[in-house]
Amino acid sequence: DVKSDLKNVDLEVQALKENPVSTEPTPKVYQYLRINKKNIADGDAGSLKIRFRVTKSWLTENNLASGDISLYRYKNDWEELTTSVTGADSAYINYEADTPGFSSFAIGVKSGVKVSEEVPEEEAAPEEVPGEEVAPPEPVEKPKAVEAPSKAPLAWINAAVVVILGIVLIVVYQKQKKKA
């Protein structure tokens, strides 16, 4: 759905290790990314779609269903984009989201979905019996924080290639259509 003749379009998809802005889009984020563009404006296409995937293991670890994921776009503030499940394989759930343009993105939990943080249950204090000494409680190891993946999975590289090829194919198709 390209609106104008485009030449030398270049899109770079970059997986980010941390949030690129100071506000959080959602309580639980799978991955941050940025799409940089050259020789294309957000208004050059009637619609833009981003395809991505999330590991089933991450969903399971966080007690989430496949429909609990959304793509968020940052432009002055985080905006939740219309996101849908497009399929799955043995390791991933595949998604597609409509976006009005390219910028910074976050893949995370859809708004309205409760994210349960695992908090260790406090043990009830033992009842004191007169004349009996109570041993102090044993120290409990503090749970470790869950860290985001340090390296972008190969899936991000594949997703970037698919997005770039899709845009190139649209541009080529539109050029051939205008010549005919």
Protein backbone atom coordinates (compact mmCIF):
# COMPACT_ATOMS: atom_id res chain seq x y z
CA ASP A 1 0.00 0.00 0.00
CA VAL A 2 2.76 2.42 -1.02
CA LYS A 3 1.55 5.97 -1.72
CA SER A 4 4.58 7.29 -3.63
CA ASP A 5 7.51 6.07 -5.71
CA LEU A 6 10.30 5.05 -3.33
CA LYS A 7 13.96 4.45 -4.09
CA ASN A 8 16.84 3.11 -2.00
CA VAL A 9 14.67 2.37 1.04
CA ASP A 10 16.73 1.15 3.98
CA LEU A 11 15.34 -0.23 7.24
CA GLU A 12 17.53 -1.27 10.14
CA VAL A 13 16.03 -3.33 12.96
CA GLN A 14 18.03 -3.16 16.16
CA ALA A 15 17.40 -5.27 19.29
CA LEU A 16 17.94 -3.14 22.40
CA LYS A 17 19.26 -4.46 25.70
CA GLU A 18 17.30 -1.92 27.73
CA ASN A 19 14.41 0.53 27.58
CA PRO A 20 15.38 3.46 25.31
CA VAL A 21 13.20 5.93 27.27
CA SER A 22 12.49 6.66 30.94
CA THR A 23 8.89 5.42 31.07
CA GLU A 24 7.83 1.77 31.02
CA PRO A 25 5.29 0.64 28.41
CA THR A 26 4.05 -2.29 30.50
CA PRO A 27 5.03 -4.12 33.71
CA LYS A 28 6.65 -7.05 31.84
CA VAL A 29 8.68 -6.62 28.63
CA TYR A 30 10.04 -9.42 26.47
CA GLN A 31 12.20 -7.28 24.17
CA TYR A 32 12.86 -3.67 23.18
CA LEU A 33 13.77 -2.81 19.60
CA ARG A 34 14.23 0.15 17.31
CA ILE A 35 13.56 0.42 13.59
CA ASN A 36 15.60 3.11 11.84
CA LYS A 37 14.57 4.17 8.35
CA LYS A 38 16.18 5.90 5.40
CA ASN A 39 14.48 7.21 2.25
CA ILE A 40 10.98 6.46 3.52
CA ALA A 41 8.59 8.55 5.61
CA ASP A 42 5.89 7.13 7.88
CA GLY A 43 3.27 8.60 5.53
CA ASP A 44 4.71 6.93 2.39
CA ALA A 45 2.62 3.80 3.00
CA GLY A 46 -1.05 3.41 3.81
CA SER A 47 -0.32 0.67 6.33
CA LEU A 48 2.75 -0.80 7.95
CA LYS A 49 2.92 -4.18 9.64
CA ILE A 50 5.56 -5.60 11.94
CA ARG A 51 5.89 -9.33 12.41
CA PHE A 52 7.67 -10.73 15.47
CA ARG A 53 7.73 -13.78 17.69
CA VAL A 54 8.02 -14.65 21.37
CA THR A 55 9.40 -17.87 22.81
CA LYS A 56 6.84 -20.22 24.31
CA SER A 57 9.23 -20.79 27.22
CA TRP A 58 9.14 -17.06 28.15
CA LEU A 59 5.33 -17.09 28.07
CA THR A 60 5.26 -20.20 30.28
CA GLU A 61 7.83 -18.80 32.74
CA ASN A 62 5.67 -15.69 33.16
CA ASN A 63 2.30 -17.53 33.30
CA LEU A 64 1.08 -15.80 30.13
CA ALA A 65 -1.14 -16.97 27.29
CA SER A 66 -0.27 -16.27 23.65
CA GLY A 67 -3.01 -13.60 23.48
CA ASP A 68 -1.49 -11.67 26.41
CA ILE A 69 1.20 -10.02 24.22
CA SER A 70 1.13 -6.63 22.48
CA LEU A 71 3.56 -4.50 20.56
CA TYR A 72 4.07 -0.98 21.94
CA ARG A 73 5.40 1.98 19.92
CA TYR A 74 7.05 5.02 21.44
CA LYS A 75 6.27 8.45 20.03
CA ASN A 76 6.07 11.01 22.85
CA ASP A 77 4.58 8.19 24.98
CA TRP A 78 4.10 4.43 24.72
CA GLU A 79 1.13 3.45 22.54
CA GLU A 80 -0.24 -0.09 22.50
CA LEU A 81 -0.65 -1.28 18.90
CA THR A 82 -3.27 -3.67 17.55
CA THR A 83 -1.51 -7.03 17.77
CA SER A 84 -2.69 -10.49 16.73
CA VAL A 85 -1.36 -14.04 16.87
CA THR A 86 -0.57 -15.34 13.37
CA GLY A 87 0.70 -18.83 14.15
CA ALA A 88 3.09 -20.95 16.17
CA ASP A 89 5.79 -23.57 15.85
CA SER A 90 7.42 -25.81 18.42
CA ALA A 91 9.33 -22.98 20.11
CA TYR A 92 7.64 -19.66 19.19
CA ILE A 93 4.32 -17.84 18.98
CA ASN A 94 4.21 -15.55 15.91
CA TYR A 95 2.55 -12.13 15.98
CA GLU A 96 1.71 -9.25 13.66
CA ALA A 97 1.01 -5.64 14.62
CA ASP A 98 -0.15 -2.60 12.65
CA THR A 99 1.98 0.51 13.21
CA PRO A 100 1.58 4.09 11.98
CA GLY A 101 5.36 4.43 11.65
CA PHE A 102 8.80 3.33 12.73
CA SER A 103 10.59 4.25 15.97
CA SER A 104 11.27 2.45 19.26
CA PHE A 105 9.14 -0.57 20.15
CA ALA A 106 8.58 -2.91 23.08
CA ILE A 107 7.13 -6.39 22.99
CA GLY A 108 5.36 -6.96 26.28
CA VAL A 109 2.28 -7.86 28.25
CA LYS A 110 -0.99 -6.46 26.90
CA SER A 111 -2.59 -3.75 29.05
CA GLY A 112 -5.22 -5.12 31.38
CA VAL A 113 -3.42 -8.47 31.84
CA LYS A 114 -2.36 -9.01 35.43
CA VAL A 115 1.28 -9.94 35.84
CA SER A 116 1.93 -11.90 38.99
CA GLU A 117 5.23 -11.24 40.66
CA GLU A 118 6.36 -14.26 42.61
CA VAL A 119 6.68 -13.17 46.23
CA PRO A 120 7.86 -15.69 48.83
CA GLU A 121 5.16 -16.48 51.33
CA GLU A 122 5.86 -15.33 54.85
CA GLU A 123 5.99 -18.11 57.35
CA ALA A 124 3.62 -17.84 60.30
CA ALA A 125 5.40 -17.01 63.54
CA PRO A 126 5.59 -20.05 65.83
CA GLU A 127 3.39 -19.89 68.87
CA GLU A 128 5.28 -19.20 72.04
CA VAL A 129 4.98 -21.81 74.74
CA PRO A 130 5.84 -20.57 78.26
CA GLY A 131 9.21 -21.88 79.41
CA GLU A 132 10.24 -23.11 75.92
CA GLU A 133 12.88 -21.35 73.82
CA VAL A 134 12.14 -20.80 70.16
CA ALA A 135 15.05 -21.01 67.71
CA PRO A 136 15.46 -18.03 65.40
CA PRO A 137 14.24 -18.64 61.85
CA GLU A 138 16.80 -19.88 59.34
CA PRO A 139 17.90 -17.30 56.79
CA VAL A 140 16.09 -17.60 53.47
CA GLU A 141 17.90 -16.94 50.22
CA LYS A 142 16.46 -13.93 48.44
CA PRO A 143 14.97 -14.79 45.02
CA LYS A 144 17.00 -13.65 42.03
CA ALA A 145 15.51 -11.08 39.65
CA VAL A 146 14.60 -12.29 36.19
CA GLU A 147 16.84 -10.60 33.66
CA ALA A 148 16.02 -9.87 30.06
CA PRO A 149 17.97 -11.90 27.50
CA SER A 150 21.41 -10.37 27.02
CA LYS A 151 21.59 -11.18 23.32
CA ALA A 152 18.88 -10.83 20.74
CA PRO A 153 17.66 -14.25 19.69
CA LEU A 154 18.17 -15.34 16.13
CA ALA A 155 14.43 -14.82 15.73
CA TRP A 156 14.93 -11.02 15.73
CA ILE A 157 17.34 -11.22 12.87
CA ASN A 158 14.87 -13.37 10.95
CA ALA A 159 12.03 -10.95 11.76
CA ALA A 160 14.10 -8.00 10.55
CA VAL A 161 14.87 -9.74 7.29
CA VAL A 162 11.18 -10.58 6.77
CA VAL A 163 10.12 -6.96 7.43
CA ILE A 164 12.77 -5.54 5.11
CA LEU A 165 12.02 -8.04 2.34
CA GLY A 166 8.30 -7.33 2.68
CA ILE A 167 8.79 -3.61 2.20
CA VAL A 168 11.17 -4.11 -0.73
CA LEU A 169 8.66 -6.45 -2.39
CA ILE A 170 5.85 -3.93 -1.91
CA VAL A 171 7.97 -1.18 -3.47
CA VAL A 172 8.92 -3.37 -6.45
CA TYR A 173 5.31 -4.48 -6.94
CA GLN A 174 4.08 -0.88 -6.90
CA LYS A 175 6.70 0.17 -9.45
CA GLN A 176 5.71 -2.67 -11.80
CA LYS A 177 2.04 -1.90 -11.31
CA LYS A 178 2.58 1.76 -12.32
CA LYS A 179 4.54 0.72 -15.46
CA ALA A 180 1.69 -1.57 -16.63
